[in-house]
Amino acid sequence: MSLTIVYNTCGLSGRDNSDFYIKNIRSILNQDLENKRVVFSGHHIPPKVFEKVINEFGREITYCLTKGRLAVNQSFNHSILKSVENYGESDGYMYVASDVTFSEDSKALSKLYERTKNPENGIISPEIDKDNGYYWWFNFDQTENLWDVFGRDKDFVVPLGATANMHCKIFSNKIFKEYGRVLPDVFVSYCTETIFSFLAASVQQRFIIANDVTFQHANHVPGPGHHGLDGQTLSYGAAWDRLFPGTPRTISEIISDPKASASGLGYEEWAPPFIEKGECPADKPHLMHDPDKFDESGYSLNNDLRDFIKENFFLKQNVLDYNKIENIFF
């Protein structure tokens, strides 16, 4: 039983974020979950910044350093693949953005990890205090709290077609084994999260937000063209539907494929009400899912959804060969 935690950083901005990295990684290590492995995923990290990090943590954590032109989806997946190659599979794989600080409750991570033992849980998220995206996906005022609207008596099961911003998530080993990776890696900017509820449902699992764990997201750090400490758009720039170079089809082409709707897939289902209000471009690509393609638990009725996601939202080896990514892992 174990949890692999990947702390994701990118040094392309040139800023020295080492103090933030150290503070946030220390908040992970302060958690009382014993059987955890923390991987510092550093993409183009300046040597002086990395020197401060390794001087602070030494052998307490593992390091995966990459170059080339990657977005966070690819660097995160690569760090997981290298960790599995060197240490074996885990019960779950946790994405942590560089601007997320764990709770001062030392049992918070254990609470999340316990939920991996329920085979129904495919994606497990803490509550994120800022920039959680609920306004877009659940259409309530940004000043309102998820639990005020839906109640805190139990974990919140994210409905099909809805989601929450990625910041921090545990993905099940079942998702990893079914897809060979965790994050849909055609994306190099926004929109990854729109696939999450379907990623879980395709393997008969669900996406939940824990009702008793809150992590902090420091989304106030200034910088052009991105959010937070490092951003998710530094390699390719910010765009709704920008995909990894060499991806054979555009998003519009993928979701207009008859097999997409036939599989039950939805995409960016928040868009219609915002288009109607004039707060979103009218040509924003979106697709409403077909609820008849799922059972009463919200699970896909067959493998069509899994196969469509695997074919269209995960990169083929001839587009990106993870074995050829320039890296140092130790």
C-alpha atoms as a PDB file:
ATOM      1  CA  MET A   1       0.000   0.000   0.000  1.00  0.00           C
ATOM      2  CA  SER A   2       1.562   3.291  -1.089  1.00  0.00           C
ATOM      3  CA  LEU A   3       0.983   6.725  -2.560  1.00  0.00           C
ATOM      4  CA  THR A   4       3.195   8.415  -5.159  1.00  0.00           C
ATOM      5  CA  ILE A   5       2.992  12.207  -4.872  1.00  0.00           C
ATOM      6  CA  VAL A   6       4.349  14.274  -7.754  1.00  0.00           C
ATOM      7  CA  TYR A   7       5.060  17.916  -6.961  1.00  0.00           C
ATOM      8  CA  ASN A   8       5.051  19.640 -10.348  1.00  0.00           C
ATOM      9  CA  THR A   9       7.302  22.607 -11.163  1.00  0.00           C
ATOM     10  CA  CYS A  10       8.437  24.474 -14.272  1.00  0.00           C
ATOM     11  CA  GLY A  11      11.347  26.894 -14.431  1.00  0.00           C
ATOM     12  CA  LEU A  12      10.704  28.448 -17.834  1.00  0.00           C
ATOM     13  CA  SER A  13       9.653  31.763 -16.261  1.00  0.00           C
ATOM     14  CA  GLY A  14      13.173  32.209 -14.897  1.00  0.00           C
ATOM     15  CA  ARG A  15      11.857  33.204 -11.469  1.00  0.00           C
ATOM     16  CA  ASP A  16      13.395  31.808  -8.306  1.00  0.00           C
ATOM     17  CA  ASN A  17      10.429  30.047  -6.692  1.00  0.00           C
ATOM     18  CA  SER A  18      12.589  27.868  -4.450  1.00  0.00           C
ATOM     19  CA  ASP A  19      11.193  29.319  -1.214  1.00  0.00           C
ATOM     20  CA  PHE A  20       7.656  28.424  -2.308  1.00  0.00           C
ATOM     21  CA  TYR A  21       8.753  24.966  -3.453  1.00  0.00           C
ATOM     22  CA  ILE A  22      10.439  24.268  -0.140  1.00  0.00           C
ATOM     23  CA  LYS A  23       7.484  25.501   1.901  1.00  0.00           C
ATOM     24  CA  ASN A  24       4.958  23.482  -0.070  1.00  0.00           C
ATOM     25  CA  ILE A  25       7.007  20.278  -0.241  1.00  0.00           C
ATOM     26  CA  ARG A  26       7.626  20.529   3.494  1.00  0.00           C
ATOM     27  CA  SER A  27       3.854  20.729   4.007  1.00  0.00           C
ATOM     28  CA  ILE A  28       3.598  17.367   2.208  1.00  0.00           C
ATOM     29  CA  LEU A  29       6.396  15.760   4.202  1.00  0.00           C
ATOM     30  CA  ASN A  30       4.807  16.964   7.451  1.00  0.00           C
ATOM     31  CA  GLN A  31       1.833  14.719   6.776  1.00  0.00           C
ATOM     32  CA  ASP A  32       1.737  11.573   8.893  1.00  0.00           C
ATOM     33  CA  LEU A  33       1.173   9.119   6.031  1.00  0.00           C
ATOM     34  CA  GLU A  34       4.233   6.894   6.241  1.00  0.00           C
ATOM     35  CA  ASN A  35       4.131   4.962   2.988  1.00  0.00           C
ATOM     36  CA  LYS A  36       4.393   7.876   0.589  1.00  0.00           C
ATOM     37  CA  ARG A  37       6.945   8.810  -2.021  1.00  0.00           C
ATOM     38  CA  VAL A  38       7.343  12.465  -2.987  1.00  0.00           C
ATOM     39  CA  VAL A  39       8.739  13.124  -6.460  1.00  0.00           C
ATOM     40  CA  PHE A  40       9.962  16.609  -7.342  1.00  0.00           C
ATOM     41  CA  SER A  41       9.090  16.944 -11.031  1.00  0.00           C
ATOM     42  CA  GLY A  42      11.220  19.803 -12.335  1.00  0.00           C
ATOM     43  CA  HIS A  43      10.967  20.955 -15.938  1.00  0.00           C
ATOM     44  CA  HIS A  44      13.749  23.340 -17.008  1.00  0.00           C
ATOM     45  CA  ILE A  45      14.516  24.187 -13.377  1.00  0.00           C
ATOM     46  CA  PRO A  46      17.444  26.662 -13.137  1.00  0.00           C
ATOM     47  CA  PRO A  47      20.480  25.046 -11.458  1.00  0.00           C
ATOM     48  CA  LYS A  48      20.564  27.623  -8.629  1.00  0.00           C
ATOM     49  CA  VAL A  49      16.913  26.940  -7.832  1.00  0.00           C
ATOM     50  CA  PHE A  50      17.385  23.174  -7.856  1.00  0.00           C
ATOM     51  CA  GLU A  51      20.475  23.503  -5.680  1.00  0.00           C
ATOM     52  CA  LYS A  52      18.366  25.123  -2.960  1.00  0.00           C
ATOM     53  CA  VAL A  53      15.731  22.395  -3.202  1.00  0.00           C
ATOM     54  CA  ILE A  54      18.152  19.483  -3.034  1.00  0.00           C
ATOM     55  CA  ASN A  55      20.123  21.118  -0.216  1.00  0.00           C
ATOM     56  CA  GLU A  56      16.888  21.329   1.753  1.00  0.00           C
ATOM     57  CA  PHE A  57      15.518  17.829   1.149  1.00  0.00           C
ATOM     58  CA  GLY A  58      18.427  15.611   0.061  1.00  0.00           C
ATOM     59  CA  ARG A  59      17.303  11.996   0.156  1.00  0.00           C
ATOM     60  CA  GLU A  60      13.932  12.773   1.740  1.00  0.00           C
ATOM     61  CA  ILE A  61      12.400  12.943  -1.728  1.00  0.00           C
ATOM     62  CA  THR A  62      12.992  11.712  -5.291  1.00  0.00           C
ATOM     63  CA  TYR A  63      13.812  13.975  -8.240  1.00  0.00           C
ATOM     64  CA  CYS A  64      12.771  13.815 -11.884  1.00  0.00           C
ATOM     65  CA  LEU A  65      14.285  16.595 -14.023  1.00  0.00           C
ATOM     66  CA  THR A  66      13.312  17.094 -17.664  1.00  0.00           C
ATOM     67  CA  LYS A  67      14.072  19.377 -20.578  1.00  0.00           C
ATOM     68  CA  GLY A  68      12.645  19.611 -24.076  1.00  0.00           C
ATOM     69  CA  ARG A  69       9.238  21.139 -24.718  1.00  0.00           C
ATOM     70  CA  LEU A  70       6.671  19.627 -22.382  1.00  0.00           C
ATOM     71  CA  ALA A  71       3.567  20.854 -20.622  1.00  0.00           C
ATOM     72  CA  VAL A  72       2.631  19.668 -17.150  1.00  0.00           C
ATOM     73  CA  ASN A  73       0.492  16.779 -18.451  1.00  0.00           C
ATOM     74  CA  GLN A  74       3.484  15.167 -20.098  1.00  0.00           C
ATOM     75  CA  SER A  75       6.029  15.923 -17.351  1.00  0.00           C
ATOM     76  CA  PHE A  76       3.653  14.599 -14.656  1.00  0.00           C
ATOM     77  CA  ASN A  77       2.962  11.406 -16.601  1.00  0.00           C
ATOM     78  CA  HIS A  78       6.680  10.963 -17.209  1.00  0.00           C
ATOM     79  CA  SER A  79       7.474  11.300 -13.495  1.00  0.00           C
ATOM     80  CA  ILE A  80       4.915   8.612 -12.689  1.00  0.00           C
ATOM     81  CA  LEU A  81       6.284   6.293 -15.360  1.00  0.00           C
ATOM     82  CA  LYS A  82       9.827   6.721 -14.044  1.00  0.00           C
ATOM     83  CA  SER A  83       8.663   6.151 -10.473  1.00  0.00           C
ATOM     84  CA  VAL A  84       6.818   2.963 -11.418  1.00  0.00           C
ATOM     85  CA  GLU A  85       9.835   1.791 -13.409  1.00  0.00           C
ATOM     86  CA  ASN A  86      12.127   2.265 -10.417  1.00  0.00           C
ATOM     87  CA  TYR A  87       9.865   1.519  -7.434  1.00  0.00           C
ATOM     88  CA  GLY A  88       6.794  -0.297  -8.704  1.00  0.00           C
ATOM     89  CA  GLU A  89       3.122   0.633  -8.833  1.00  0.00           C
ATOM     90  CA  SER A  90       1.282   2.555  -6.128  1.00  0.00           C
ATOM     91  CA  ASP A  91      -2.305   2.520  -4.946  1.00  0.00           C
ATOM     92  CA  GLY A  92      -2.652   6.072  -6.205  1.00  0.00           C
ATOM     93  CA  TYR A  93      -0.754   8.818  -8.013  1.00  0.00           C
ATOM     94  CA  MET A  94      -1.167  12.349  -6.733  1.00  0.00           C
ATOM     95  CA  TYR A  95      -0.832  15.464  -8.846  1.00  0.00           C
ATOM     96  CA  VAL A  96       0.219  18.532  -6.823  1.00  0.00           C
ATOM     97  CA  ALA A  97       0.596  21.927  -8.494  1.00  0.00           C
ATOM     98  CA  SER A  98       3.570  23.954  -7.295  1.00  0.00           C
ATOM     99  CA  ASP A  99       1.291  26.568  -5.692  1.00  0.00           C
ATOM    100  CA  VAL A 100      -0.646  24.137  -3.463  1.00  0.00           C
ATOM    101  CA  THR A 101       0.064  23.989   0.274  1.00  0.00           C
ATOM    102  CA  PHE A 102      -1.165  21.000   2.268  1.00  0.00           C
ATOM    103  CA  SER A 103      -3.326  21.359   5.357  1.00  0.00           C
ATOM    104  CA  GLU A 104      -1.777  21.897   8.780  1.00  0.00           C
ATOM    105  CA  ASP A 105      -3.881  18.914   9.849  1.00  0.00           C
ATOM    106  CA  SER A 106      -1.180  16.238   9.769  1.00  0.00           C
ATOM    107  CA  LYS A 107      -3.779  13.535   9.058  1.00  0.00           C
ATOM    108  CA  ALA A 108      -5.198  15.258   5.972  1.00  0.00           C
ATOM    109  CA  LEU A 109      -3.210  13.177   3.482  1.00  0.00           C
ATOM    110  CA  SER A 110      -4.057   9.961   5.329  1.00  0.00           C
ATOM    111  CA  LYS A 111      -7.735  10.851   5.053  1.00  0.00           C
ATOM    112  CA  LEU A 112      -7.400  11.191   1.299  1.00  0.00           C
ATOM    113  CA  TYR A 113      -5.295   8.046   1.005  1.00  0.00           C
ATOM    114  CA  GLU A 114      -7.877   5.984   2.931  1.00  0.00           C
ATOM    115  CA  ARG A 115     -10.330   6.742   0.146  1.00  0.00           C
ATOM    116  CA  THR A 116      -8.092   4.958  -2.375  1.00  0.00           C
ATOM    117  CA  LYS A 117      -9.006   1.713  -0.611  1.00  0.00           C
ATOM    118  CA  ASN A 118     -12.578   2.061  -1.878  1.00  0.00           C
ATOM    119  CA  PRO A 119     -12.504   0.529  -5.384  1.00  0.00           C
ATOM    120  CA  GLU A 120     -15.292   2.891  -6.471  1.00  0.00           C
ATOM    121  CA  ASN A 121     -13.003   5.918  -6.148  1.00  0.00           C
ATOM    122  CA  GLY A 122     -11.022   6.701  -9.292  1.00  0.00           C
ATOM    123  CA  ILE A 123     -10.201  10.380  -8.744  1.00  0.00           C
ATOM    124  CA  ILE A 124      -9.984  11.840  -5.239  1.00  0.00           C
ATOM    125  CA  SER A 125      -9.672  15.556  -4.628  1.00  0.00           C
ATOM    126  CA  PRO A 126      -9.345  17.665  -1.510  1.00  0.00           C
ATOM    127  CA  GLU A 127     -11.370  20.848  -1.298  1.00  0.00           C
ATOM    128  CA  ILE A 128      -9.305  23.675  -2.842  1.00  0.00           C
ATOM    129  CA  ASP A 129      -9.868  27.052  -1.233  1.00  0.00           C
ATOM    130  CA  LYS A 130      -9.256  29.282  -4.307  1.00  0.00           C
ATOM    131  CA  ASP A 131      -9.595  28.975  -8.062  1.00  0.00           C
ATOM    132  CA  ASN A 132     -11.465  25.692  -7.770  1.00  0.00           C
ATOM    133  CA  GLY A 133     -13.625  26.258 -10.873  1.00  0.00           C
ATOM    134  CA  TYR A 134     -16.942  25.457  -9.214  1.00  0.00           C
ATOM    135  CA  TYR A 135     -18.506  28.651 -10.543  1.00  0.00           C
ATOM    136  CA  TRP A 136     -18.083  27.408 -14.103  1.00  0.00           C
ATOM    137  CA  TRP A 137     -19.080  23.822 -13.569  1.00  0.00           C
ATOM    138  CA  PHE A 138     -21.902  24.079 -11.029  1.00  0.00           C
ATOM    139  CA  ASN A 139     -23.173  27.537 -11.957  1.00  0.00           C
ATOM    140  CA  PHE A 140     -23.332  29.068  -8.484  1.00  0.00           C
ATOM    141  CA  ASP A 141     -21.859  32.342  -7.349  1.00  0.00           C
ATOM    142  CA  GLN A 142     -18.092  32.464  -6.884  1.00  0.00           C
ATOM    143  CA  THR A 143     -18.578  33.657  -3.309  1.00  0.00           C
ATOM    144  CA  GLU A 144     -20.451  30.476  -2.387  1.00  0.00           C
ATOM    145  CA  ASN A 145     -18.864  27.349  -0.957  1.00  0.00           C
ATOM    146  CA  LEU A 146     -19.423  23.897  -2.448  1.00  0.00           C
ATOM    147  CA  TRP A 147     -20.576  22.554   0.885  1.00  0.00           C
ATOM    148  CA  ASP A 148     -23.003  25.419   1.503  1.00  0.00           C
ATOM    149  CA  VAL A 149     -24.716  24.466  -1.734  1.00  0.00           C
ATOM    150  CA  PHE A 150     -24.588  20.660  -1.592  1.00  0.00           C
ATOM    151  CA  GLY A 151     -24.042  19.873   2.108  1.00  0.00           C
ATOM    152  CA  ARG A 152     -20.990  18.466   3.869  1.00  0.00           C
ATOM    153  CA  ASP A 153     -22.480  15.314   5.370  1.00  0.00           C
ATOM    154  CA  LYS A 154     -20.633  13.113   2.835  1.00  0.00           C
ATOM    155  CA  ASP A 155     -18.056  13.306   0.072  1.00  0.00           C
ATOM    156  CA  PHE A 156     -19.269  15.104  -3.028  1.00  0.00           C
ATOM    157  CA  VAL A 157     -19.539  12.855  -6.079  1.00  0.00           C
ATOM    158  CA  VAL A 158     -18.789  14.982  -9.115  1.00  0.00           C
ATOM    159  CA  PRO A 159     -21.587  14.447 -11.672  1.00  0.00           C
ATOM    160  CA  LEU A 160     -20.807  13.252 -15.160  1.00  0.00           C
ATOM    161  CA  GLY A 161     -19.915  16.199 -17.341  1.00  0.00           C
ATOM    162  CA  ALA A 162     -18.797  18.360 -14.409  1.00  0.00           C
ATOM    163  CA  THR A 163     -15.349  18.695 -12.880  1.00  0.00           C
ATOM    164  CA  ALA A 164     -13.071  20.846 -10.707  1.00  0.00           C
ATOM    165  CA  ASN A 165      -9.762  22.546 -11.432  1.00  0.00           C
ATOM    166  CA  MET A 166      -6.829  20.162 -11.326  1.00  0.00           C
ATOM    167  CA  HIS A 167      -4.534  21.719  -8.655  1.00  0.00           C
ATOM    168  CA  CYS A 168      -4.384  18.540  -6.522  1.00  0.00           C
ATOM    169  CA  LYS A 169      -5.856  15.110  -7.314  1.00  0.00           C
ATOM    170  CA  ILE A 170      -5.208  11.436  -6.563  1.00  0.00           C
ATOM    171  CA  PHE A 171      -5.725   9.126  -9.551  1.00  0.00           C
ATOM    172  CA  SER A 172      -6.286   5.413  -8.999  1.00  0.00           C
ATOM    173  CA  ASN A 173      -3.907   2.677 -10.047  1.00  0.00           C
ATOM    174  CA  LYS A 174      -6.795   1.255 -12.065  1.00  0.00           C
ATOM    175  CA  ILE A 175      -6.809   4.374 -14.269  1.00  0.00           C
ATOM    176  CA  PHE A 176      -3.033   4.124 -14.627  1.00  0.00           C
ATOM    177  CA  LYS A 177      -3.181   0.474 -15.650  1.00  0.00           C
ATOM    178  CA  GLU A 178      -6.101   0.912 -18.065  1.00  0.00           C
ATOM    179  CA  TYR A 179      -4.533   3.856 -19.886  1.00  0.00           C
ATOM    180  CA  GLY A 180      -0.820   3.292 -19.282  1.00  0.00           C
ATOM    181  CA  ARG A 181      -0.622   6.855 -17.954  1.00  0.00           C
ATOM    182  CA  VAL A 182      -2.785   9.070 -15.755  1.00  0.00           C
ATOM    183  CA  LEU A 183      -3.391  12.469 -17.346  1.00  0.00           C
ATOM    184  CA  PRO A 184      -4.860  12.763 -20.841  1.00  0.00           C
ATOM    185  CA  ASP A 185      -1.750  14.148 -22.485  1.00  0.00           C
ATOM    186  CA  VAL A 186      -2.974  15.629 -25.745  1.00  0.00           C
ATOM    187  CA  PHE A 187      -3.509  18.840 -23.756  1.00  0.00           C
ATOM    188  CA  VAL A 188      -0.773  21.452 -23.359  1.00  0.00           C
ATOM    189  CA  SER A 189      -2.866  24.282 -21.944  1.00  0.00           C
ATOM    190  CA  TYR A 190      -6.415  24.291 -20.565  1.00  0.00           C
ATOM    191  CA  CYS A 191      -9.319  21.794 -20.633  1.00  0.00           C
ATOM    192  CA  THR A 192      -7.701  18.628 -19.204  1.00  0.00           C
ATOM    193  CA  GLU A 193     -10.210  18.586 -16.338  1.00  0.00           C
ATOM    194  CA  THR A 194     -13.211  18.285 -18.645  1.00  0.00           C
ATOM    195  CA  ILE A 195     -12.248  14.643 -19.259  1.00  0.00           C
ATOM    196  CA  PHE A 196     -11.947  13.646 -15.572  1.00  0.00           C
ATOM    197  CA  SER A 197     -15.500  12.454 -14.825  1.00  0.00           C
ATOM    198  CA  PHE A 198     -15.455  10.367 -18.008  1.00  0.00           C
ATOM    199  CA  LEU A 199     -11.950   9.055 -17.328  1.00  0.00           C
ATOM    200  CA  ALA A 200     -13.233   7.619 -14.043  1.00  0.00           C
ATOM    201  CA  ALA A 201     -16.605   6.426 -15.382  1.00  0.00           C
ATOM    202  CA  SER A 202     -14.920   4.607 -18.269  1.00  0.00           C
ATOM    203  CA  VAL A 203     -13.246   2.238 -15.790  1.00  0.00           C
ATOM    204  CA  GLN A 204     -16.291   1.946 -13.500  1.00  0.00           C
ATOM    205  CA  GLN A 205     -15.060   4.428 -10.946  1.00  0.00           C
ATOM    206  CA  ARG A 206     -16.126   7.881  -9.755  1.00  0.00           C
ATOM    207  CA  PHE A 207     -14.629  11.303  -9.108  1.00  0.00           C
ATOM    208  CA  ILE A 208     -15.079  12.608  -5.562  1.00  0.00           C
ATOM    209  CA  ILE A 209     -14.218  15.726  -3.551  1.00  0.00           C
ATOM    210  CA  ALA A 210     -13.438  14.891   0.091  1.00  0.00           C
ATOM    211  CA  ASN A 211     -15.641  16.587   2.668  1.00  0.00           C
ATOM    212  CA  ASP A 212     -12.995  16.808   5.406  1.00  0.00           C
ATOM    213  CA  VAL A 213      -9.753  17.962   3.721  1.00  0.00           C
ATOM    214  CA  THR A 214      -8.957  21.467   2.473  1.00  0.00           C
ATOM    215  CA  PHE A 215      -5.700  22.528   0.834  1.00  0.00           C
ATOM    216  CA  GLN A 216      -4.588  26.069   0.025  1.00  0.00           C
ATOM    217  CA  HIS A 217      -4.021  27.365  -3.472  1.00  0.00           C
ATOM    218  CA  ALA A 218      -1.902  30.507  -3.745  1.00  0.00           C
ATOM    219  CA  ASN A 219      -3.170  31.868  -7.041  1.00  0.00           C
ATOM    220  CA  HIS A 220      -1.964  35.420  -6.440  1.00  0.00           C
ATOM    221  CA  VAL A 221       1.603  35.238  -7.761  1.00  0.00           C
ATOM    222  CA  PRO A 222       1.883  37.639 -10.721  1.00  0.00           C
ATOM    223  CA  GLY A 223       3.193  36.721 -14.136  1.00  0.00           C
ATOM    224  CA  PRO A 224       2.224  37.162 -17.792  1.00  0.00           C
ATOM    225  CA  GLY A 225       0.089  34.535 -19.507  1.00  0.00           C
ATOM    226  CA  HIS A 226      -0.263  32.090 -16.648  1.00  0.00           C
ATOM    227  CA  HIS A 227      -1.514  31.640 -13.110  1.00  0.00           C
ATOM    228  CA  GLY A 228       0.088  30.665  -9.845  1.00  0.00           C
ATOM    229  CA  LEU A 229       3.776  29.961  -9.328  1.00  0.00           C
ATOM    230  CA  ASP A 230       4.661  28.194 -12.553  1.00  0.00           C
ATOM    231  CA  GLY A 231       1.467  28.003 -14.560  1.00  0.00           C
ATOM    232  CA  GLN A 232       0.344  25.267 -16.914  1.00  0.00           C
ATOM    233  CA  THR A 233       0.862  27.206 -20.135  1.00  0.00           C
ATOM    234  CA  LEU A 234       4.513  28.239 -20.163  1.00  0.00           C
ATOM    235  CA  SER A 235       5.680  25.806 -22.856  1.00  0.00           C
ATOM    236  CA  TYR A 236       2.935  26.440 -25.396  1.00  0.00           C
ATOM    237  CA  GLY A 237       0.963  29.473 -24.260  1.00  0.00           C
ATOM    238  CA  ALA A 238      -2.593  29.790 -23.014  1.00  0.00           C
ATOM    239  CA  ALA A 239      -5.428  28.616 -25.259  1.00  0.00           C
ATOM    240  CA  TRP A 240      -8.703  26.776 -24.819  1.00  0.00           C
ATOM    241  CA  ASP A 241      -8.028  24.037 -27.313  1.00  0.00           C
ATOM    242  CA  ARG A 242      -4.290  23.891 -27.883  1.00  0.00           C
ATOM    243  CA  LEU A 243      -3.010  20.332 -28.263  1.00  0.00           C
ATOM    244  CA  PHE A 244       0.413  18.696 -28.268  1.00  0.00           C
ATOM    245  CA  PRO A 245       2.191  19.106 -31.645  1.00  0.00           C
ATOM    246  CA  GLY A 246       1.571  16.121 -33.871  1.00  0.00           C
ATOM    247  CA  THR A 247      -1.846  15.303 -32.420  1.00  0.00           C
ATOM    248  CA  PRO A 248      -3.656  14.160 -35.585  1.00  0.00           C
ATOM    249  CA  ARG A 249      -6.980  15.933 -34.994  1.00  0.00           C
ATOM    250  CA  THR A 250      -8.187  19.172 -33.453  1.00  0.00           C
ATOM    251  CA  ILE A 251     -10.537  19.161 -30.482  1.00  0.00           C
ATOM    252  CA  SER A 252     -13.416  20.184 -32.745  1.00  0.00           C
ATOM    253  CA  GLU A 253     -12.694  17.226 -35.002  1.00  0.00           C
ATOM    254  CA  ILE A 254     -12.407  14.813 -32.072  1.00  0.00           C
ATOM    255  CA  ILE A 255     -15.677  15.749 -30.373  1.00  0.00           C
ATOM    256  CA  SER A 256     -17.591  15.955 -33.669  1.00  0.00           C
ATOM    257  CA  ASP A 257     -16.634  12.348 -34.440  1.00  0.00           C
ATOM    258  CA  PRO A 258     -19.883  10.309 -34.188  1.00  0.00           C
ATOM    259  CA  LYS A 259     -18.023   7.833 -31.990  1.00  0.00           C
ATOM    260  CA  ALA A 260     -17.598  10.558 -29.347  1.00  0.00           C
ATOM    261  CA  SER A 261     -21.309  11.018 -28.671  1.00  0.00           C
ATOM    262  CA  ALA A 262     -21.956   7.297 -29.204  1.00  0.00           C
ATOM    263  CA  SER A 263     -19.469   6.489 -26.427  1.00  0.00           C
ATOM    264  CA  GLY A 264     -21.167   8.902 -24.002  1.00  0.00           C
ATOM    265  CA  LEU A 265     -18.335  11.448 -23.955  1.00  0.00           C
ATOM    266  CA  GLY A 266     -18.971  15.033 -22.947  1.00  0.00           C
ATOM    267  CA  TYR A 267     -16.615  17.978 -23.380  1.00  0.00           C
ATOM    268  CA  GLU A 268     -16.630  21.435 -21.770  1.00  0.00           C
ATOM    269  CA  GLU A 269     -20.270  21.094 -20.716  1.00  0.00           C
ATOM    270  CA  TRP A 270     -20.089  24.341 -18.738  1.00  0.00           C
ATOM    271  CA  ALA A 271     -20.089  26.334 -21.983  1.00  0.00           C
ATOM    272  CA  PRO A 272     -23.752  26.611 -23.107  1.00  0.00           C
ATOM    273  CA  PRO A 273     -25.078  28.822 -20.282  1.00  0.00           C
ATOM    274  CA  PHE A 274     -22.055  31.093 -20.533  1.00  0.00           C
ATOM    275  CA  ILE A 275     -22.417  31.327 -24.314  1.00  0.00           C
ATOM    276  CA  GLU A 276     -26.041  32.300 -23.760  1.00  0.00           C
ATOM    277  CA  LYS A 277     -24.963  35.033 -21.326  1.00  0.00           C
ATOM    278  CA  GLY A 278     -22.330  36.280 -23.751  1.00  0.00           C
ATOM    279  CA  GLU A 279     -19.498  35.376 -21.368  1.00  0.00           C
ATOM    280  CA  CYS A 280     -17.979  32.755 -23.646  1.00  0.00           C
ATOM    281  CA  PRO A 281     -17.274  32.746 -27.414  1.00  0.00           C
ATOM    282  CA  ALA A 282     -20.172  31.277 -29.359  1.00  0.00           C
ATOM    283  CA  ASP A 283     -17.831  28.954 -31.245  1.00  0.00           C
ATOM    284  CA  LYS A 284     -16.335  27.387 -28.078  1.00  0.00           C
ATOM    285  CA  PRO A 285     -16.135  23.624 -28.849  1.00  0.00           C
ATOM    286  CA  HIS A 286     -18.330  21.589 -26.492  1.00  0.00           C
ATOM    287  CA  LEU A 287     -20.317  18.369 -26.402  1.00  0.00           C
ATOM    288  CA  MET A 288     -23.078  17.351 -23.990  1.00  0.00           C
ATOM    289  CA  HIS A 289     -22.814  13.740 -22.840  1.00  0.00           C
ATOM    290  CA  ASP A 290     -25.538  11.158 -23.373  1.00  0.00           C
ATOM    291  CA  PRO A 291     -26.723   9.918 -19.942  1.00  0.00           C
ATOM    292  CA  ASP A 292     -28.195   6.793 -21.541  1.00  0.00           C
ATOM    293  CA  LYS A 293     -24.648   5.507 -22.085  1.00  0.00           C
ATOM    294  CA  PHE A 294     -24.150   5.106 -18.318  1.00  0.00           C
ATOM    295  CA  ASP A 295     -25.705   2.928 -15.618  1.00  0.00           C
ATOM    296  CA  GLU A 296     -27.413   4.168 -12.444  1.00  0.00           C
ATOM    297  CA  SER A 297     -24.025   4.482 -10.715  1.00  0.00           C
ATOM    298  CA  GLY A 298     -22.738   6.731 -13.520  1.00  0.00           C
ATOM    299  CA  TYR A 299     -20.434   4.069 -14.912  1.00  0.00           C
ATOM    300  CA  SER A 300     -19.944   3.501 -18.617  1.00  0.00           C
ATOM    301  CA  LEU A 301     -22.062   0.615 -19.918  1.00  0.00           C
ATOM    302  CA  ASN A 302     -19.264  -0.792 -22.076  1.00  0.00           C
ATOM    303  CA  ASN A 303     -15.689  -0.135 -23.173  1.00  0.00           C
ATOM    304  CA  ASP A 304     -16.556   2.316 -25.949  1.00  0.00           C
ATOM    305  CA  LEU A 305     -15.845   5.378 -23.791  1.00  0.00           C
ATOM    306  CA  ARG A 306     -12.567   3.968 -22.483  1.00  0.00           C
ATOM    307  CA  ASP A 307     -11.443   3.102 -25.999  1.00  0.00           C
ATOM    308  CA  PHE A 308     -12.418   6.502 -27.418  1.00  0.00           C
ATOM    309  CA  ILE A 309     -10.557   8.371 -24.667  1.00  0.00           C
ATOM    310  CA  LYS A 310      -7.507   6.153 -25.078  1.00  0.00           C
ATOM    311  CA  GLU A 311      -7.500   6.656 -28.841  1.00  0.00           C
ATOM    312  CA  ASN A 312      -8.061  10.411 -28.852  1.00  0.00           C
ATOM    313  CA  PHE A 313      -6.876  11.935 -25.565  1.00  0.00           C
ATOM    314  CA  PHE A 314      -3.667   9.975 -24.941  1.00  0.00           C
ATOM    315  CA  LEU A 315      -0.685  10.520 -27.210  1.00  0.00           C
ATOM    316  CA  LYS A 316       0.570   7.779 -29.473  1.00  0.00           C
ATOM    317  CA  GLN A 317       4.215   6.757 -29.131  1.00  0.00           C
ATOM    318  CA  ASN A 318       5.013   8.146 -32.583  1.00  0.00           C
ATOM    319  CA  VAL A 319       3.865  11.596 -31.349  1.00  0.00           C
ATOM    320  CA  LEU A 320       5.605  11.468 -27.958  1.00  0.00           C
ATOM    321  CA  ASP A 321       7.840   8.610 -26.897  1.00  0.00           C
ATOM    322  CA  TYR A 322       8.132   8.890 -23.115  1.00  0.00           C
ATOM    323  CA  ASN A 323      11.165   6.613 -23.211  1.00  0.00           C
ATOM    324  CA  LYS A 324      13.048   9.265 -25.184  1.00  0.00           C
ATOM    325  CA  ILE A 325      12.348  12.259 -22.952  1.00  0.00           C
ATOM    326  CA  GLU A 326      15.645  13.733 -21.785  1.00  0.00           C
ATOM    327  CA  ASN A 327      15.645  13.301 -18.011  1.00  0.00           C
ATOM    328  CA  ILE A 328      17.572  12.725 -14.813  1.00  0.00           C
ATOM    329  CA  PHE A 329      15.798  10.571 -12.199  1.00  0.00           C
ATOM    330  CA  PHE A 330      17.310   9.872  -8.818  1.00  0.00           C
END
